[in-house]
Amino acid sequence: MEIAARPLTAADFAPFGDVLEDEGPPDRIINQGLCGRYHDRAKLDFGPAGRAGISLFKAEPRSLPYRLDMVERHPDGSQAFFPLHQKPWLVIVAEPGDIPGRIHAFLAGTGQAVNFHRGTWHGVLTPLHAPGLFAVVDRIGDTPNLQEHWLEPPVTITA
């Protein structure tokens, strides 16, 4: 199976999570009129047994076409990825279910971040250029919060 990645938009991504970007006018002007605040853009959810944590992930760059053989989800918390670079990157999600449904691929543009809702099947962190450095806000807790599903056959993601 082959899937063409399409540009990441808030509307297309809404069933899976939030797109965090500075599109349109800011919600508020702060800091003596010198800063636009795009307020409360993600639904963070860390469940009853977790707390928010900020981590840094450094992933090896991948290229298109990309061979997707595994997706994962976090049943106990949301997970937000903020690129610490100004390069496009690949965002892969699957429709919900006990096993992943239809796969969707998006090309995140410069300045776009995402927040996967709790339980959303998604591909691993997939930068397309170095450096693959991201800040990640997700659940920190003592209980397991990772489920993986291996795809058979794998899916090819193209530009």
N, C-alpha and C. Protein backbone atom coordinates (compact mmCIF):
# COMPACT_ATOMS: atom_id res chain seq x y z
N MET A 1 0.84 -1.17 0.00
CA MET A 1 0.00 0.00 0.00
C MET A 1 0.89 1.23 0.00
N GLU A 2 0.43 2.28 -0.69
CA GLU A 2 1.18 3.53 -0.78
C GLU A 2 0.26 4.68 -0.44
N ILE A 3 0.75 5.62 0.38
CA ILE A 3 -0.03 6.78 0.80
C ILE A 3 0.79 8.03 0.52
N ALA A 4 0.19 9.01 -0.12
CA ALA A 4 0.86 10.30 -0.35
C ALA A 4 0.62 11.21 0.84
N ALA A 5 1.70 11.76 1.37
CA ALA A 5 1.57 12.71 2.48
C ALA A 5 0.99 14.01 1.93
N ARG A 6 0.10 14.60 2.70
CA ARG A 6 -0.50 15.86 2.29
C ARG A 6 -0.15 16.93 3.32
N PRO A 7 -0.28 18.20 2.96
CA PRO A 7 0.07 19.25 3.92
C PRO A 7 -0.76 19.14 5.20
N LEU A 8 -0.12 19.42 6.31
CA LEU A 8 -0.77 19.36 7.62
C LEU A 8 -1.66 20.59 7.80
N THR A 9 -2.95 20.34 8.05
CA THR A 9 -3.88 21.43 8.37
C THR A 9 -4.64 21.06 9.64
N ALA A 10 -5.04 22.07 10.37
CA ALA A 10 -5.78 21.85 11.61
C ALA A 10 -7.07 21.07 11.35
N ALA A 11 -7.77 21.38 10.28
CA ALA A 11 -9.04 20.72 9.99
C ALA A 11 -8.84 19.24 9.69
N ASP A 12 -7.86 18.90 8.84
CA ASP A 12 -7.63 17.50 8.50
C ASP A 12 -7.11 16.69 9.68
N PHE A 13 -6.36 17.34 10.57
CA PHE A 13 -5.73 16.63 11.68
C PHE A 13 -6.64 16.55 12.91
N ALA A 14 -7.72 17.30 12.95
CA ALA A 14 -8.59 17.41 14.13
C ALA A 14 -9.04 16.07 14.72
N PRO A 15 -9.35 15.02 13.92
CA PRO A 15 -9.76 13.77 14.56
C PRO A 15 -8.65 13.10 15.38
N PHE A 16 -7.40 13.50 15.17
CA PHE A 16 -6.25 12.84 15.80
C PHE A 16 -5.59 13.68 16.88
N GLY A 17 -5.79 15.00 16.82
CA GLY A 17 -5.13 15.87 17.77
C GLY A 17 -5.20 17.32 17.32
N ASP A 18 -4.23 18.09 17.81
CA ASP A 18 -4.21 19.53 17.58
C ASP A 18 -2.97 19.91 16.77
N VAL A 19 -3.13 20.86 15.85
CA VAL A 19 -2.00 21.46 15.16
C VAL A 19 -1.70 22.76 15.88
N LEU A 20 -0.46 22.95 16.26
CA LEU A 20 -0.04 24.14 16.98
C LEU A 20 0.77 25.01 16.03
N GLU A 21 0.25 26.19 15.73
CA GLU A 21 0.91 27.09 14.80
C GLU A 21 0.43 28.50 15.05
N ASP A 22 1.11 29.44 14.46
CA ASP A 22 0.76 30.84 14.67
C ASP A 22 0.02 31.43 13.48
N GLU A 23 -0.93 30.69 12.96
CA GLU A 23 -1.73 31.16 11.83
C GLU A 23 -2.81 32.13 12.32
N GLY A 24 -3.08 33.15 11.52
CA GLY A 24 -4.13 34.10 11.85
C GLY A 24 -3.71 35.06 12.93
N PRO A 25 -4.64 35.92 13.32
CA PRO A 25 -4.30 36.90 14.36
C PRO A 25 -4.18 36.23 15.73
N PRO A 26 -3.31 36.74 16.58
CA PRO A 26 -3.18 36.16 17.93
C PRO A 26 -4.46 36.37 18.74
N ASP A 27 -4.64 35.51 19.75
CA ASP A 27 -5.80 35.62 20.64
C ASP A 27 -5.67 36.82 21.57
N ARG A 28 -4.45 37.14 21.92
CA ARG A 28 -4.18 38.25 22.83
C ARG A 28 -2.86 38.91 22.43
N ILE A 29 -2.78 40.20 22.73
CA ILE A 29 -1.52 40.92 22.59
C ILE A 29 -1.02 41.18 24.00
N ILE A 30 0.23 40.78 24.27
CA ILE A 30 0.79 40.90 25.62
C ILE A 30 2.16 41.57 25.55
N ASN A 31 2.81 41.67 26.69
CA ASN A 31 4.18 42.22 26.79
C ASN A 31 4.29 43.60 26.15
N GLN A 32 3.47 44.50 26.65
CA GLN A 32 3.47 45.90 26.21
C GLN A 32 3.23 46.03 24.71
N GLY A 33 2.39 45.11 24.16
CA GLY A 33 2.01 45.17 22.77
C GLY A 33 3.03 44.59 21.80
N LEU A 34 4.05 43.93 22.32
CA LEU A 34 5.13 43.43 21.47
C LEU A 34 5.09 41.93 21.24
N CYS A 35 4.05 41.25 21.74
CA CYS A 35 4.01 39.80 21.61
C CYS A 35 2.56 39.34 21.40
N GLY A 36 2.37 38.51 20.38
CA GLY A 36 1.06 37.91 20.16
C GLY A 36 1.00 36.55 20.85
N ARG A 37 -0.04 36.33 21.62
CA ARG A 37 -0.22 35.05 22.32
C ARG A 37 -1.31 34.26 21.60
N TYR A 38 -0.97 33.07 21.14
CA TYR A 38 -1.90 32.12 20.54
C TYR A 38 -2.26 31.17 21.68
N HIS A 39 -3.37 31.44 22.31
CA HIS A 39 -3.70 30.92 23.63
C HIS A 39 -4.33 29.52 23.61
N ASP A 40 -3.87 28.65 24.50
CA ASP A 40 -4.49 27.36 24.82
C ASP A 40 -4.79 26.55 23.57
N ARG A 41 -3.78 26.22 22.79
CA ARG A 41 -3.95 25.60 21.49
C ARG A 41 -4.00 24.08 21.50
N ALA A 42 -3.75 23.41 22.63
CA ALA A 42 -3.73 21.95 22.65
C ALA A 42 -4.49 21.43 23.86
N LYS A 43 -5.17 20.30 23.65
CA LYS A 43 -5.85 19.63 24.74
C LYS A 43 -4.88 18.61 25.35
N LEU A 44 -4.16 19.03 26.38
CA LEU A 44 -3.23 18.14 27.05
C LEU A 44 -4.00 17.27 28.02
N ASP A 45 -3.66 15.99 28.06
CA ASP A 45 -4.41 15.02 28.86
C ASP A 45 -3.42 13.99 29.40
N PHE A 46 -3.19 14.00 30.70
CA PHE A 46 -2.22 13.10 31.30
C PHE A 46 -2.84 12.05 32.20
N GLY A 47 -4.15 11.91 32.14
CA GLY A 47 -4.84 10.88 32.90
C GLY A 47 -4.74 11.11 34.40
N PRO A 48 -5.41 10.25 35.16
CA PRO A 48 -5.44 10.43 36.62
C PRO A 48 -4.14 10.05 37.31
N ALA A 49 -3.28 9.25 36.66
CA ALA A 49 -2.07 8.76 37.33
C ALA A 49 -0.80 9.31 36.70
N GLY A 50 -0.89 10.48 36.09
CA GLY A 50 0.29 11.02 35.44
C GLY A 50 0.41 12.51 35.65
N ARG A 51 1.53 13.04 35.21
CA ARG A 51 1.78 14.47 35.26
C ARG A 51 2.44 14.88 33.96
N ALA A 52 2.45 16.16 33.67
CA ALA A 52 3.11 16.67 32.47
C ALA A 52 4.61 16.65 32.66
N GLY A 53 5.31 16.29 31.60
CA GLY A 53 6.76 16.34 31.58
C GLY A 53 7.21 16.89 30.25
N ILE A 54 8.37 17.55 30.24
CA ILE A 54 8.96 18.04 29.00
C ILE A 54 10.27 17.29 28.80
N SER A 55 10.39 16.63 27.65
CA SER A 55 11.60 15.88 27.30
C SER A 55 12.13 16.40 25.98
N LEU A 56 13.37 16.08 25.67
CA LEU A 56 13.94 16.37 24.37
C LEU A 56 14.17 15.04 23.65
N PHE A 57 13.73 14.97 22.40
CA PHE A 57 13.94 13.79 21.56
C PHE A 57 14.85 14.20 20.41
N LYS A 58 15.85 13.39 20.13
CA LYS A 58 16.73 13.65 18.99
C LYS A 58 16.66 12.44 18.08
N ALA A 59 15.94 12.56 16.96
CA ALA A 59 15.68 11.45 16.05
C ALA A 59 16.52 11.57 14.79
N GLU A 60 16.91 10.43 14.26
CA GLU A 60 17.63 10.39 12.99
C GLU A 60 16.69 10.79 11.87
N PRO A 61 17.16 11.64 10.94
CA PRO A 61 16.31 12.01 9.80
C PRO A 61 15.98 10.80 8.93
N ARG A 62 14.80 10.82 8.35
CA ARG A 62 14.34 9.80 7.41
C ARG A 62 14.14 10.48 6.06
N SER A 63 13.79 9.71 5.06
CA SER A 63 13.55 10.30 3.74
C SER A 63 12.30 9.68 3.14
N LEU A 64 11.76 10.37 2.14
CA LEU A 64 10.62 9.87 1.39
C LEU A 64 11.12 9.24 0.11
N PRO A 65 10.59 8.14 -0.34
CA PRO A 65 9.50 7.40 0.31
C PRO A 65 9.98 6.78 1.62
N TYR A 66 9.04 6.69 2.56
CA TYR A 66 9.31 6.19 3.90
C TYR A 66 8.53 4.90 4.11
N ARG A 67 9.20 3.89 4.63
CA ARG A 67 8.57 2.60 4.91
C ARG A 67 8.05 2.58 6.34
N LEU A 68 6.74 2.57 6.49
CA LEU A 68 6.09 2.55 7.80
C LEU A 68 5.74 1.11 8.15
N ASP A 69 6.37 0.58 9.19
CA ASP A 69 6.08 -0.80 9.58
C ASP A 69 5.51 -0.93 10.98
N MET A 70 5.44 0.20 11.71
CA MET A 70 4.92 0.14 13.07
C MET A 70 4.28 1.47 13.44
N VAL A 71 3.16 1.40 14.16
CA VAL A 71 2.55 2.58 14.77
C VAL A 71 2.41 2.29 16.26
N GLU A 72 2.25 3.36 17.02
CA GLU A 72 2.13 3.22 18.47
C GLU A 72 1.05 4.16 18.97
N ARG A 73 0.64 3.92 20.21
CA ARG A 73 -0.28 4.86 20.86
C ARG A 73 0.02 4.87 22.35
N HIS A 74 -0.48 5.92 22.99
CA HIS A 74 -0.28 6.13 24.41
C HIS A 74 -1.67 6.22 25.06
N PRO A 75 -2.18 5.12 25.63
CA PRO A 75 -3.55 5.09 26.11
C PRO A 75 -3.82 5.97 27.33
N ASP A 76 -2.76 6.38 28.04
CA ASP A 76 -2.96 7.13 29.27
C ASP A 76 -2.58 8.60 29.18
N GLY A 77 -2.25 9.09 27.98
CA GLY A 77 -1.91 10.51 27.91
C GLY A 77 -1.66 11.00 26.50
N SER A 78 -1.86 12.30 26.33
CA SER A 78 -1.56 12.96 25.06
C SER A 78 -0.05 13.09 24.91
N GLN A 79 0.37 13.45 23.70
CA GLN A 79 1.80 13.62 23.43
C GLN A 79 1.96 14.73 22.39
N ALA A 80 2.68 15.80 22.76
CA ALA A 80 2.87 16.94 21.87
C ALA A 80 4.33 17.01 21.42
N PHE A 81 4.53 17.25 20.12
CA PHE A 81 5.86 17.36 19.53
C PHE A 81 6.07 18.76 18.99
N PHE A 82 7.14 19.41 19.45
CA PHE A 82 7.49 20.76 19.04
C PHE A 82 8.87 20.72 18.39
N PRO A 83 8.95 20.89 17.07
CA PRO A 83 10.27 20.86 16.43
C PRO A 83 11.12 22.04 16.90
N LEU A 84 12.38 21.77 17.17
CA LEU A 84 13.31 22.83 17.55
C LEU A 84 14.20 23.16 16.34
N HIS A 85 13.56 23.17 15.19
CA HIS A 85 14.21 23.47 13.91
C HIS A 85 13.15 24.07 13.00
N GLN A 86 13.56 24.56 11.88
CA GLN A 86 12.64 25.18 10.91
C GLN A 86 12.60 24.35 9.63
N LYS A 87 12.41 23.05 9.77
CA LYS A 87 12.41 22.14 8.62
C LYS A 87 11.09 21.36 8.60
N PRO A 88 10.63 20.95 7.41
CA PRO A 88 9.44 20.08 7.34
C PRO A 88 9.71 18.73 8.01
N TRP A 89 8.65 18.12 8.50
CA TRP A 89 8.76 16.79 9.10
C TRP A 89 7.47 16.03 8.84
N LEU A 90 7.53 14.71 8.98
CA LEU A 90 6.43 13.83 8.63
C LEU A 90 5.62 13.46 9.87
N VAL A 91 4.30 13.57 9.77
CA VAL A 91 3.38 13.20 10.84
C VAL A 91 2.47 12.10 10.30
N ILE A 92 2.47 10.95 10.97
CA ILE A 92 1.66 9.81 10.52
C ILE A 92 0.70 9.43 11.64
N VAL A 93 -0.56 9.23 11.30
CA VAL A 93 -1.59 8.82 12.26
C VAL A 93 -2.45 7.73 11.63
N ALA A 94 -3.20 7.05 12.48
CA ALA A 94 -4.14 6.03 12.00
C ALA A 94 -5.48 6.25 12.69
N GLU A 95 -6.53 5.89 11.98
CA GLU A 95 -7.86 6.01 12.55
C GLU A 95 -7.99 5.07 13.75
N PRO A 96 -8.88 5.40 14.71
CA PRO A 96 -8.93 4.68 15.98
C PRO A 96 -9.52 3.28 15.87
N GLY A 97 -9.22 2.50 16.89
CA GLY A 97 -9.73 1.15 17.04
C GLY A 97 -8.77 0.35 17.89
N ASP A 98 -9.17 -0.89 18.22
CA ASP A 98 -8.28 -1.75 18.98
C ASP A 98 -6.99 -2.00 18.21
N ILE A 99 -7.11 -2.07 16.89
CA ILE A 99 -5.95 -2.07 16.02
C ILE A 99 -6.07 -0.83 15.14
N PRO A 100 -4.95 -0.33 14.61
CA PRO A 100 -5.02 0.90 13.82
C PRO A 100 -5.90 0.74 12.58
N GLY A 101 -6.65 1.80 12.30
CA GLY A 101 -7.46 1.84 11.09
C GLY A 101 -6.67 2.46 9.95
N ARG A 102 -7.37 3.10 9.05
CA ARG A 102 -6.75 3.72 7.87
C ARG A 102 -5.63 4.68 8.28
N ILE A 103 -4.52 4.61 7.57
CA ILE A 103 -3.35 5.44 7.83
C ILE A 103 -3.48 6.77 7.08
N HIS A 104 -3.05 7.86 7.74
CA HIS A 104 -2.99 9.19 7.14
C HIS A 104 -1.59 9.74 7.35
N ALA A 105 -1.05 10.42 6.35
CA ALA A 105 0.28 11.02 6.47
C ALA A 105 0.21 12.50 6.12
N PHE A 106 0.91 13.31 6.91
CA PHE A 106 0.92 14.75 6.73
C PHE A 106 2.35 15.26 6.72
N LEU A 107 2.60 16.28 5.92
CA LEU A 107 3.87 16.99 5.95
C LEU A 107 3.68 18.24 6.79
N ALA A 108 4.31 18.27 7.96
CA ALA A 108 4.26 19.46 8.81
C ALA A 108 5.24 20.47 8.26
N GLY A 109 4.79 21.70 8.13
CA GLY A 109 5.62 22.75 7.59
C GLY A 109 6.39 23.49 8.67
N THR A 110 7.14 24.46 8.24
CA THR A 110 7.93 25.29 9.14
C THR A 110 7.03 25.89 10.22
N GLY A 111 7.43 25.71 11.46
CA GLY A 111 6.69 26.30 12.57
C GLY A 111 5.47 25.52 13.02
N GLN A 112 5.21 24.34 12.47
CA GLN A 112 4.05 23.56 12.90
C GLN A 112 4.46 22.49 13.91
N ALA A 113 3.67 22.38 14.96
CA ALA A 113 3.82 21.35 15.98
C ALA A 113 2.50 20.60 16.07
N VAL A 114 2.52 19.42 16.69
CA VAL A 114 1.28 18.66 16.85
C VAL A 114 1.15 18.13 18.27
N ASN A 115 -0.08 17.93 18.66
CA ASN A 115 -0.42 17.26 19.91
C ASN A 115 -1.33 16.09 19.56
N PHE A 116 -0.85 14.86 19.78
CA PHE A 116 -1.68 13.68 19.56
C PHE A 116 -2.60 13.50 20.77
N HIS A 117 -3.89 13.37 20.52
CA HIS A 117 -4.81 13.09 21.62
C HIS A 117 -4.50 11.74 22.25
N ARG A 118 -4.90 11.58 23.48
CA ARG A 118 -4.70 10.33 24.19
C ARG A 118 -5.27 9.17 23.37
N GLY A 119 -4.47 8.10 23.21
CA GLY A 119 -4.92 6.90 22.53
C GLY A 119 -4.84 6.94 21.01
N THR A 120 -4.31 8.01 20.42
CA THR A 120 -4.22 8.11 18.96
C THR A 120 -3.06 7.27 18.44
N TRP A 121 -3.35 6.37 17.51
CA TRP A 121 -2.29 5.61 16.84
C TRP A 121 -1.49 6.58 16.00
N HIS A 122 -0.16 6.50 16.09
CA HIS A 122 0.70 7.40 15.31
C HIS A 122 2.03 6.74 14.99
N GLY A 123 2.67 7.25 13.95
CA GLY A 123 4.00 6.78 13.61
C GLY A 123 5.02 7.34 14.58
N VAL A 124 6.22 6.81 14.51
CA VAL A 124 7.29 7.32 15.36
C VAL A 124 7.72 8.70 14.87
N LEU A 125 8.47 9.40 15.68
CA LEU A 125 8.97 10.73 15.33
C LEU A 125 9.79 10.63 14.05
N THR A 126 9.40 11.39 13.02
CA THR A 126 9.96 11.24 11.68
C THR A 126 10.41 12.57 11.09
N PRO A 127 11.57 13.09 11.55
CA PRO A 127 12.11 14.28 10.89
C PRO A 127 12.61 13.91 9.50
N LEU A 128 12.56 14.85 8.59
CA LEU A 128 13.04 14.63 7.23
C LEU A 128 14.39 15.29 6.98
N HIS A 129 14.87 16.07 7.96
CA HIS A 129 16.15 16.77 7.85
C HIS A 129 16.80 16.80 9.22
N ALA A 130 18.11 16.90 9.23
CA ALA A 130 18.83 17.11 10.49
C ALA A 130 18.77 18.60 10.83
N PRO A 131 18.77 18.98 12.08
CA PRO A 131 18.76 18.10 13.22
C PRO A 131 17.33 17.64 13.53
N GLY A 132 17.18 16.46 14.01
CA GLY A 132 15.85 15.92 14.34
C GLY A 132 15.51 16.16 15.80
N LEU A 133 15.70 17.38 16.27
CA LEU A 133 15.52 17.70 17.68
C LEU A 133 14.13 18.28 17.93
N PHE A 134 13.44 17.70 18.92
CA PHE A 134 12.08 18.10 19.27
C PHE A 134 11.95 18.20 20.78
N ALA A 135 11.16 19.16 21.24
CA ALA A 135 10.69 19.17 22.62
C ALA A 135 9.38 18.40 22.62
N VAL A 136 9.20 17.54 23.62
CA VAL A 136 8.02 16.69 23.71
C VAL A 136 7.38 16.89 25.08
N VAL A 137 6.09 17.20 25.06
CA VAL A 137 5.31 17.32 26.30
C VAL A 137 4.40 16.12 26.35
N ASP A 138 4.61 15.27 27.36
CA ASP A 138 3.77 14.09 27.48
C ASP A 138 3.67 13.63 28.92
N ARG A 139 2.98 12.53 29.11
CA ARG A 139 2.67 11.98 30.43
C ARG A 139 3.91 11.33 31.03
N ILE A 140 4.16 11.69 32.28
CA ILE A 140 5.18 11.03 33.08
C ILE A 140 4.43 10.31 34.20
N GLY A 141 4.68 9.01 34.35
CA GLY A 141 4.00 8.23 35.38
C GLY A 141 4.66 6.88 35.56
N ASP A 142 4.20 6.14 36.55
CA ASP A 142 4.79 4.84 36.88
C ASP A 142 4.17 3.68 36.11
N THR A 143 3.05 3.90 35.45
CA THR A 143 2.40 2.80 34.74
C THR A 143 2.76 2.84 33.26
N PRO A 144 2.72 1.70 32.58
CA PRO A 144 3.05 1.67 31.15
C PRO A 144 2.08 2.53 30.35
N ASN A 145 2.60 3.18 29.32
CA ASN A 145 1.76 4.06 28.51
C ASN A 145 2.15 3.94 27.03
N LEU A 146 2.47 2.75 26.59
CA LEU A 146 2.88 2.54 25.21
C LEU A 146 2.33 1.22 24.70
N GLN A 147 1.65 1.29 23.56
CA GLN A 147 1.23 0.09 22.83
C GLN A 147 1.75 0.23 21.41
N GLU A 148 2.34 -0.85 20.89
CA GLU A 148 2.85 -0.86 19.52
C GLU A 148 2.05 -1.85 18.69
N HIS A 149 1.90 -1.51 17.41
CA HIS A 149 1.24 -2.42 16.47
C HIS A 149 2.09 -2.47 15.20
N TRP A 150 2.53 -3.67 14.84
CA TRP A 150 3.35 -3.87 13.64
C TRP A 150 2.44 -4.08 12.45
N LEU A 151 2.71 -3.36 11.38
CA LEU A 151 1.87 -3.41 10.18
C LEU A 151 2.37 -4.51 9.24
N GLU A 152 1.44 -5.33 8.80
CA GLU A 152 1.77 -6.39 7.85
C GLU A 152 0.73 -6.40 6.75
N PRO A 153 1.04 -5.97 5.56
CA PRO A 153 2.36 -5.53 5.13
C PRO A 153 2.62 -4.08 5.53
N PRO A 154 3.90 -3.64 5.46
CA PRO A 154 4.21 -2.24 5.73
C PRO A 154 3.55 -1.31 4.71
N VAL A 155 3.49 -0.03 5.03
CA VAL A 155 2.90 0.99 4.18
C VAL A 155 4.02 1.91 3.71
N THR A 156 3.99 2.31 2.46
CA THR A 156 4.96 3.27 1.93
C THR A 156 4.34 4.65 1.89
N ILE A 157 5.04 5.61 2.48
CA ILE A 157 4.59 7.00 2.48
C ILE A 157 5.42 7.76 1.45
N THR A 158 4.75 8.45 0.52
CA THR A 158 5.43 9.21 -0.52
C THR A 158 5.14 10.69 -0.38
N ALA A 159 5.87 11.49 -1.13
CA ALA A 159 5.69 12.96 -1.09
C ALA A 159 4.40 13.33 -1.79
